[in-house]
Amino acid sequence: MVSGVKMASVTPLKRVLTDLSRIPHVQGVFVVSKEGFIVESITASGAFDEEALAAMITTAMGSIETLGKELELGKPEIATLEFSGSITLITDLGEHVVALVAERGAVLGRLRYELKKQLPRIRASL
């Protein structure tokens, strides 16, 4: 998804997101601040309104956390949202939220596995 970018000029966070974006059918990977701003992202060209996505992801994560608290379910790990045309995974990293958006044809288990595997790298890069 990233073309023409010299890896020497790429930040560690961008490198991790690039690795995640290479999973088949992934359309975008986003790190969003809890204030609703994009910290870093990798997307298919023009695929998303990133500002709107950042605001909605932050709001969704807040609602998911409230649900877990009110129903005494515990803290959310990875929220999985399945839409008719896509799958979105959201996970909380304290001051940040990570969202991965993929086409419906993606293998959900692989998305979850790869996201969990890369979370330590993302945390270390923030």
C-alpha atoms as a PDB file:
ATOM      1  CA  MET A   1       0.000   0.000   0.000  1.00  0.00           C
ATOM      2  CA  VAL A   2       2.933   2.309   0.515  1.00  0.00           C
ATOM      3  CA  SER A   3       4.786   2.917  -2.703  1.00  0.00           C
ATOM      4  CA  GLY A   4       7.732   5.102  -3.458  1.00  0.00           C
ATOM      5  CA  VAL A   5       8.556   5.680   0.227  1.00  0.00           C
ATOM      6  CA  LYS A   6      12.170   5.277   1.255  1.00  0.00           C
ATOM      7  CA  MET A   7      12.236   2.993   4.289  1.00  0.00           C
ATOM      8  CA  ALA A   8      15.123   4.992   5.821  1.00  0.00           C
ATOM      9  CA  SER A   9      12.749   7.979   6.210  1.00  0.00           C
ATOM     10  CA  VAL A  10       9.883   5.913   7.606  1.00  0.00           C
ATOM     11  CA  THR A  11       9.216   6.060  11.348  1.00  0.00           C
ATOM     12  CA  PRO A  12       9.049   2.831  13.392  1.00  0.00           C
ATOM     13  CA  LEU A  13       5.281   3.316  13.803  1.00  0.00           C
ATOM     14  CA  LYS A  14       4.759   3.740  10.061  1.00  0.00           C
ATOM     15  CA  ARG A  15       6.853   0.602   9.481  1.00  0.00           C
ATOM     16  CA  VAL A  16       4.582  -1.464  11.775  1.00  0.00           C
ATOM     17  CA  LEU A  17       1.434  -0.117  10.125  1.00  0.00           C
ATOM     18  CA  THR A  18       2.925  -0.848   6.706  1.00  0.00           C
ATOM     19  CA  ASP A  19       3.544  -4.452   7.780  1.00  0.00           C
ATOM     20  CA  LEU A  20      -0.094  -4.766   8.857  1.00  0.00           C
ATOM     21  CA  SER A  21      -1.317  -3.149   5.638  1.00  0.00           C
ATOM     22  CA  ARG A  22       0.332  -5.947   3.643  1.00  0.00           C
ATOM     23  CA  ILE A  23      -2.125  -8.527   4.974  1.00  0.00           C
ATOM     24  CA  PRO A  24      -4.411  -9.517   2.089  1.00  0.00           C
ATOM     25  CA  HIS A  25      -7.581  -7.384   1.854  1.00  0.00           C
ATOM     26  CA  VAL A  26      -6.493  -4.784   4.435  1.00  0.00           C
ATOM     27  CA  GLN A  27      -7.673  -1.339   3.344  1.00  0.00           C
ATOM     28  CA  GLY A  28      -6.245   0.745   6.155  1.00  0.00           C
ATOM     29  CA  VAL A  29      -4.555   0.754   9.540  1.00  0.00           C
ATOM     30  CA  PHE A  30      -4.885   3.733  11.870  1.00  0.00           C
ATOM     31  CA  VAL A  31      -3.484   4.898  15.185  1.00  0.00           C
ATOM     32  CA  VAL A  32      -5.820   7.491  16.663  1.00  0.00           C
ATOM     33  CA  SER A  33      -5.389   9.604  19.792  1.00  0.00           C
ATOM     34  CA  LYS A  34      -8.148   9.422  22.406  1.00  0.00           C
ATOM     35  CA  GLU A  35      -8.868  13.054  21.474  1.00  0.00           C
ATOM     36  CA  GLY A  36      -9.910  11.824  18.011  1.00  0.00           C
ATOM     37  CA  PHE A  37      -6.903  12.803  15.892  1.00  0.00           C
ATOM     38  CA  ILE A  38      -4.992  10.604  13.467  1.00  0.00           C
ATOM     39  CA  VAL A  39      -1.491   9.933  14.828  1.00  0.00           C
ATOM     40  CA  GLU A  40      -0.420   7.746  11.894  1.00  0.00           C
ATOM     41  CA  SER A  41      -2.141   5.797   9.150  1.00  0.00           C
ATOM     42  CA  ILE A  42      -1.596   3.668   6.099  1.00  0.00           C
ATOM     43  CA  THR A  43      -4.491   3.476   3.633  1.00  0.00           C
ATOM     44  CA  ALA A  44      -5.350   2.595   0.105  1.00  0.00           C
ATOM     45  CA  SER A  45      -5.263   5.872  -1.816  1.00  0.00           C
ATOM     46  CA  GLY A  46      -8.319   7.973  -0.996  1.00  0.00           C
ATOM     47  CA  ALA A  47     -10.154   5.088   0.669  1.00  0.00           C
ATOM     48  CA  PHE A  48     -11.215   6.966   3.823  1.00  0.00           C
ATOM     49  CA  ASP A  49     -12.068  10.345   5.259  1.00  0.00           C
ATOM     50  CA  GLU A  50      -9.435   9.969   7.975  1.00  0.00           C
ATOM     51  CA  GLU A  51     -10.659  12.838  10.162  1.00  0.00           C
ATOM     52  CA  ALA A  52     -14.193  11.423  10.271  1.00  0.00           C
ATOM     53  CA  LEU A  53     -12.864   7.907  10.829  1.00  0.00           C
ATOM     54  CA  ALA A  54     -10.680   9.080  13.744  1.00  0.00           C
ATOM     55  CA  ALA A  55     -13.613  10.780  15.466  1.00  0.00           C
ATOM     56  CA  MET A  56     -15.901   7.776  14.973  1.00  0.00           C
ATOM     57  CA  ILE A  57     -13.308   5.205  16.078  1.00  0.00           C
ATOM     58  CA  THR A  58     -12.673   7.154  19.286  1.00  0.00           C
ATOM     59  CA  THR A  59     -16.415   7.409  19.953  1.00  0.00           C
ATOM     60  CA  ALA A  60     -16.944   3.697  19.212  1.00  0.00           C
ATOM     61  CA  MET A  61     -14.119   2.696  21.571  1.00  0.00           C
ATOM     62  CA  GLY A  62     -15.647   4.827  24.334  1.00  0.00           C
ATOM     63  CA  SER A  63     -19.024   3.145  23.844  1.00  0.00           C
ATOM     64  CA  ILE A  64     -17.448  -0.317  23.844  1.00  0.00           C
ATOM     65  CA  GLU A  65     -15.574   0.467  27.084  1.00  0.00           C
ATOM     66  CA  THR A  66     -18.797   1.734  28.680  1.00  0.00           C
ATOM     67  CA  LEU A  67     -20.627  -1.437  27.640  1.00  0.00           C
ATOM     68  CA  GLY A  68     -17.927  -3.602  29.205  1.00  0.00           C
ATOM     69  CA  LYS A  69     -17.964  -1.569  32.408  1.00  0.00           C
ATOM     70  CA  GLU A  70     -21.761  -1.385  32.785  1.00  0.00           C
ATOM     71  CA  LEU A  71     -22.256  -5.098  32.135  1.00  0.00           C
ATOM     72  CA  GLU A  72     -19.184  -6.030  34.201  1.00  0.00           C
ATOM     73  CA  LEU A  73     -17.619  -7.778  31.202  1.00  0.00           C
ATOM     74  CA  GLY A  74     -14.141  -6.402  31.792  1.00  0.00           C
ATOM     75  CA  LYS A  75     -11.906  -4.279  29.611  1.00  0.00           C
ATOM     76  CA  PRO A  76     -12.264  -4.789  25.846  1.00  0.00           C
ATOM     77  CA  GLU A  77      -9.332  -6.394  24.056  1.00  0.00           C
ATOM     78  CA  ILE A  78     -10.228  -6.304  20.370  1.00  0.00           C
ATOM     79  CA  ALA A  79     -13.641  -5.128  19.228  1.00  0.00           C
ATOM     80  CA  THR A  80     -14.688  -6.708  15.952  1.00  0.00           C
ATOM     81  CA  LEU A  81     -17.222  -4.893  13.795  1.00  0.00           C
ATOM     82  CA  GLU A  82     -18.512  -6.770  10.777  1.00  0.00           C
ATOM     83  CA  PHE A  83     -20.267  -4.783   8.096  1.00  0.00           C
ATOM     84  CA  SER A  84     -21.716  -5.978   4.794  1.00  0.00           C
ATOM     85  CA  GLY A  85     -18.588  -4.881   2.919  1.00  0.00           C
ATOM     86  CA  SER A  86     -15.846  -4.800   5.531  1.00  0.00           C
ATOM     87  CA  ILE A  87     -14.421  -5.888   8.858  1.00  0.00           C
ATOM     88  CA  THR A  88     -13.044  -3.398  11.370  1.00  0.00           C
ATOM     89  CA  LEU A  89     -10.940  -4.330  14.389  1.00  0.00           C
ATOM     90  CA  ILE A  90     -10.445  -1.771  17.168  1.00  0.00           C
ATOM     91  CA  THR A  91      -8.174  -2.076  20.180  1.00  0.00           C
ATOM     92  CA  ASP A  92      -7.338   0.292  23.026  1.00  0.00           C
ATOM     93  CA  LEU A  93      -3.734   1.225  23.795  1.00  0.00           C
ATOM     94  CA  GLY A  94      -4.315   3.620  26.683  1.00  0.00           C
ATOM     95  CA  GLU A  95      -3.884   7.089  25.170  1.00  0.00           C
ATOM     96  CA  HIS A  96      -4.405   5.713  21.651  1.00  0.00           C
ATOM     97  CA  VAL A  97      -6.710   3.438  19.696  1.00  0.00           C
ATOM     98  CA  VAL A  98      -5.639   1.194  16.821  1.00  0.00           C
ATOM     99  CA  ALA A  99      -8.116   0.416  14.045  1.00  0.00           C
ATOM    100  CA  LEU A 100      -7.642  -2.003  11.171  1.00  0.00           C
ATOM    101  CA  VAL A 101     -10.145  -1.949   8.295  1.00  0.00           C
ATOM    102  CA  ALA A 102     -10.300  -4.805   5.786  1.00  0.00           C
ATOM    103  CA  GLU A 103     -12.510  -5.976   2.968  1.00  0.00           C
ATOM    104  CA  ARG A 104     -15.073  -8.633   3.806  1.00  0.00           C
ATOM    105  CA  GLY A 105     -12.950 -11.275   2.038  1.00  0.00           C
ATOM    106  CA  ALA A 106     -10.199 -11.014   4.669  1.00  0.00           C
ATOM    107  CA  VAL A 107      -9.596 -13.931   7.024  1.00  0.00           C
ATOM    108  CA  LEU A 108     -10.801 -12.666  10.404  1.00  0.00           C
ATOM    109  CA  GLY A 109      -8.597 -15.015  12.415  1.00  0.00           C
ATOM    110  CA  ARG A 110      -5.490 -13.836  10.608  1.00  0.00           C
ATOM    111  CA  LEU A 111      -6.422 -10.179  11.109  1.00  0.00           C
ATOM    112  CA  ARG A 112      -6.862 -10.717  14.851  1.00  0.00           C
ATOM    113  CA  TYR A 113      -3.657 -12.751  15.131  1.00  0.00           C
ATOM    114  CA  GLU A 114      -1.524 -10.246  13.220  1.00  0.00           C
ATOM    115  CA  LEU A 115      -2.957  -7.260  15.087  1.00  0.00           C
ATOM    116  CA  LYS A 116      -2.318  -8.868  18.490  1.00  0.00           C
ATOM    117  CA  LYS A 117       1.184  -9.863  17.387  1.00  0.00           C
ATOM    118  CA  GLN A 118       2.033  -6.291  16.316  1.00  0.00           C
ATOM    119  CA  LEU A 119       0.567  -4.462  19.339  1.00  0.00           C
ATOM    120  CA  PRO A 120       3.870  -4.553  21.311  1.00  0.00           C
ATOM    121  CA  ARG A 121       5.657  -2.975  18.333  1.00  0.00           C
ATOM    122  CA  ILE A 122       2.977  -0.294  18.059  1.00  0.00           C
ATOM    123  CA  ARG A 123       3.166   0.474  21.801  1.00  0.00           C
ATOM    124  CA  ALA A 124       6.965   0.698  21.615  1.00  0.00           C
ATOM    125  CA  SER A 125       6.684   3.115  18.667  1.00  0.00           C
ATOM    126  CA  LEU A 126       4.336   5.563  20.366  1.00  0.00           C
END
